[in-house]
């Protein structure tokens, strides 16, 4: 009787060990498959990140943040670019607060009931700004030259402008 109990326990133990082995093997195989998949995704993501970094570098080429010569120009004259550039941008946006129909720097008059407003400004270097404007239906871009006078006042001068045709 004791022999049979030991045989049953032995058989049960062997079956349990076989079950654990098969289950563990399938889990390990699944993990290995996941690891291979994640490694391939990681390499794809690294390539994508590299491409985006290159594209970002190209897009920031004409931007004062990436233009060391323009920053050195201001620093040589005693200006702090971290304060000056936002002030230049804010000066362009401040022109959106105007009375009447004529924008101070945009050479067009709104053809709708809305005011012409400058939406986006990019400081290209120590002299030039590009900005876009719209009245909600019509839009365009302006190229502006800016200078800083002896009183540290920023002066803006319109150099070029364009209004996109309305295709509606």
Protein backbone atom coordinates (compact mmCIF):
# COMPACT_ATOMS: atom_id res chain seq x y z
CA UNK A 1 0.00 0.00 0.00
CA UNK A 2 2.78 2.38 0.90
CA UNK A 3 4.52 1.48 -2.33
CA UNK A 4 1.49 2.47 -4.37
CA UNK A 5 1.15 5.79 -2.57
CA UNK A 6 4.81 6.54 -3.25
CA UNK A 7 4.40 5.53 -6.90
CA UNK A 8 1.35 7.79 -7.28
CA UNK A 9 3.19 10.65 -5.57
CA UNK A 10 6.18 10.07 -7.82
CA UNK A 11 4.02 10.03 -10.97
CA UNK A 12 2.15 13.12 -9.81
CA UNK A 13 5.45 14.90 -9.09
CA UNK A 14 6.83 13.96 -12.51
CA UNK A 15 3.65 15.20 -14.21
CA UNK A 16 3.80 18.43 -12.22
CA UNK A 17 7.45 18.95 -13.17
CA UNK A 18 6.66 18.28 -16.86
CA UNK A 19 3.77 20.74 -16.74
CA UNK A 20 5.98 23.41 -15.12
CA UNK A 21 8.72 22.82 -17.69
CA UNK A 22 6.35 23.12 -20.67
CA UNK A 23 4.65 26.19 -19.20
CA UNK A 24 7.96 27.86 -18.38
CA UNK A 25 9.34 27.07 -21.82
CA UNK A 26 6.34 28.65 -23.55
CA UNK A 27 6.62 31.74 -21.34
CA UNK A 28 10.34 32.04 -22.05
CA UNK A 29 9.74 31.62 -25.79
CA UNK A 30 7.08 34.34 -25.66
CA UNK A 31 9.46 36.66 -23.78
CA UNK A 32 12.24 36.00 -26.29
CA UNK A 33 9.86 36.80 -29.15
CA UNK A 34 8.84 40.03 -27.39
CA UNK A 35 12.51 40.94 -26.83
CA UNK A 36 13.30 40.46 -30.52
CA UNK A 37 10.29 42.58 -31.49
CA UNK A 38 11.20 45.32 -29.05
CA UNK A 39 14.82 45.37 -30.24
CA UNK A 40 13.69 45.80 -33.85
CA UNK A 41 11.28 48.57 -32.80
CA UNK A 42 14.07 50.20 -30.81
CA UNK A 43 16.31 50.31 -33.87
CA UNK A 44 13.45 51.73 -35.97
CA UNK A 45 12.79 54.38 -33.31
CA UNK A 46 16.48 55.28 -33.19
CA UNK A 47 16.46 55.78 -36.95
CA UNK A 48 13.30 57.90 -36.70
CA UNK A 49 14.82 59.98 -33.91
CA UNK A 50 17.96 60.53 -35.98
CA UNK A 51 15.89 61.60 -39.00
CA UNK A 52 13.82 63.99 -36.85
CA UNK A 53 16.95 65.47 -35.29
CA UNK A 54 18.39 66.08 -38.75
CA UNK A 55 15.13 67.62 -39.93
CA UNK A 56 14.94 69.79 -36.80
CA UNK A 57 18.50 70.97 -37.41
CA UNK A 58 17.59 71.93 -40.98
CA UNK A 59 14.40 73.71 -39.90
CA UNK A 60 16.25 75.69 -37.25
CA UNK A 61 18.97 76.80 -39.63
CA UNK A 62 17.27 80.14 -40.30
CA UNK A 63 16.48 80.87 -36.69
CA UNK A 64 18.33 83.12 -34.29
CA UNK A 65 18.41 80.37 -31.67
CA UNK A 66 20.73 78.38 -33.90
CA UNK A 67 22.62 81.33 -35.34
CA UNK A 68 25.68 81.84 -33.18
CA UNK A 69 26.97 84.75 -35.27
CA UNK A 70 23.75 86.71 -34.76
CA UNK A 71 23.81 86.02 -31.04
CA UNK A 72 27.45 87.10 -30.86
CA UNK A 73 26.49 90.32 -32.66
CA UNK A 74 24.07 91.20 -29.86
CA UNK A 75 26.35 90.03 -27.07
CA UNK A 76 29.21 92.15 -28.43
CA UNK A 77 26.93 95.17 -28.09
CA UNK A 78 26.02 94.29 -24.51
CA UNK A 79 22.56 92.81 -25.08
CA UNK A 80 21.30 89.68 -23.38
CA UNK A 81 19.75 87.60 -26.18
CA UNK A 82 17.56 85.69 -23.73
CA UNK A 83 15.79 88.96 -22.96
CA UNK A 84 16.18 90.77 -26.27
CA UNK A 85 14.72 88.19 -28.66
CA UNK A 86 11.45 87.79 -26.70
CA UNK A 87 11.22 91.59 -26.55
CA UNK A 88 11.62 91.81 -30.33
CA UNK A 89 8.92 89.17 -30.84
CA UNK A 90 6.61 90.81 -28.30
CA UNK A 91 7.06 94.12 -30.12
CA UNK A 92 5.74 92.55 -33.32
CA UNK A 93 2.79 90.98 -31.50
CA UNK A 94 2.10 94.30 -29.74
CA UNK A 95 1.35 95.79 -33.16
CA UNK A 96 -1.83 93.66 -33.16
CA UNK A 97 -3.32 96.17 -30.70
CA UNK A 98 -4.12 98.94 -33.13
CA UNK A 99 -7.00 101.29 -33.69
CA UNK A 100 -8.76 101.72 -37.02
CA UNK A 101 -8.44 99.59 -40.12
CA UNK A 102 -4.73 99.89 -40.91
CA UNK A 103 -2.25 97.58 -39.22
CA UNK A 104 0.99 99.39 -38.25
CA UNK A 105 3.20 97.07 -40.28
CA UNK A 106 0.96 94.95 -42.51
CA UNK A 107 0.34 96.96 -45.70
CA UNK A 108 -3.11 95.49 -46.34
CA UNK A 109 -6.53 96.37 -44.99
CA UNK A 110 -8.82 93.60 -43.81
CA UNK A 111 -11.45 92.63 -46.36
CA UNK A 112 -13.66 91.10 -43.68
CA UNK A 113 -15.12 92.42 -40.45
CA UNK A 114 -12.09 91.09 -38.54
CA UNK A 115 -8.82 92.88 -37.86
CA UNK A 116 -5.59 91.77 -39.49
CA UNK A 117 -3.48 90.03 -36.86
CA UNK A 118 0.05 88.71 -36.88
CA UNK A 119 -0.08 85.04 -35.90
CA UNK A 120 3.44 83.68 -35.96
CA UNK A 121 6.82 85.39 -35.81
CA UNK A 122 10.28 83.97 -36.44
CA UNK A 123 13.42 85.97 -35.81
CA UNK A 124 15.83 84.84 -38.49
CA UNK A 125 18.97 86.68 -37.40
CA UNK A 126 20.12 89.97 -35.89
CA UNK A 127 18.32 92.00 -38.60
CA UNK A 128 15.39 90.10 -40.10
CA UNK A 129 12.01 88.78 -39.04
CA UNK A 130 9.45 86.79 -40.97
CA UNK A 131 5.82 86.72 -39.84
CA UNK A 132 2.45 85.62 -41.10
CA UNK A 133 -0.84 87.44 -40.72
CA UNK A 134 -4.52 86.80 -41.31
CA UNK A 135 -7.96 88.30 -40.90
CA UNK A 136 -9.58 84.89 -40.68
CA UNK A 137 -10.23 84.54 -44.40
CA UNK A 138 -7.20 86.06 -46.10
CA UNK A 139 -3.62 85.50 -45.06
CA UNK A 140 -0.13 86.45 -46.04
CA UNK A 141 3.43 86.93 -44.91
CA UNK A 142 5.70 89.87 -44.24
CA UNK A 143 9.46 90.21 -44.20
CA UNK A 144 10.55 92.81 -41.67
CA UNK A 145 13.91 94.37 -40.89
CA UNK A 146 14.46 95.43 -37.30
CA UNK A 147 17.06 97.63 -35.67
CA UNK A 148 17.79 98.69 -32.13
CA UNK A 149 18.51 102.37 -31.64
CA UNK A 150 20.69 104.06 -29.01
CA UNK A 151 17.76 104.24 -26.60
CA UNK A 152 17.34 100.44 -26.84
CA UNK A 153 14.09 100.87 -28.72
CA UNK A 154 13.32 98.30 -31.39
CA UNK A 155 12.34 99.80 -34.76
CA UNK A 156 10.60 97.73 -37.42
CA UNK A 157 10.67 98.36 -41.17
CA UNK A 158 8.61 96.41 -43.67
CA UNK A 159 10.84 95.09 -46.45
CA UNK A 160 8.58 92.75 -48.41
CA UNK A 161 5.04 91.40 -48.18
CA UNK A 162 2.65 89.09 -49.93
CA UNK A 163 -1.02 88.24 -49.71
CA UNK A 164 -2.08 84.78 -50.78
CA UNK A 165 -4.97 84.67 -53.25
CA UNK A 166 -8.27 83.46 -51.89
CA UNK A 167 -9.12 80.25 -53.75
CA UNK A 168 -12.67 79.85 -52.40
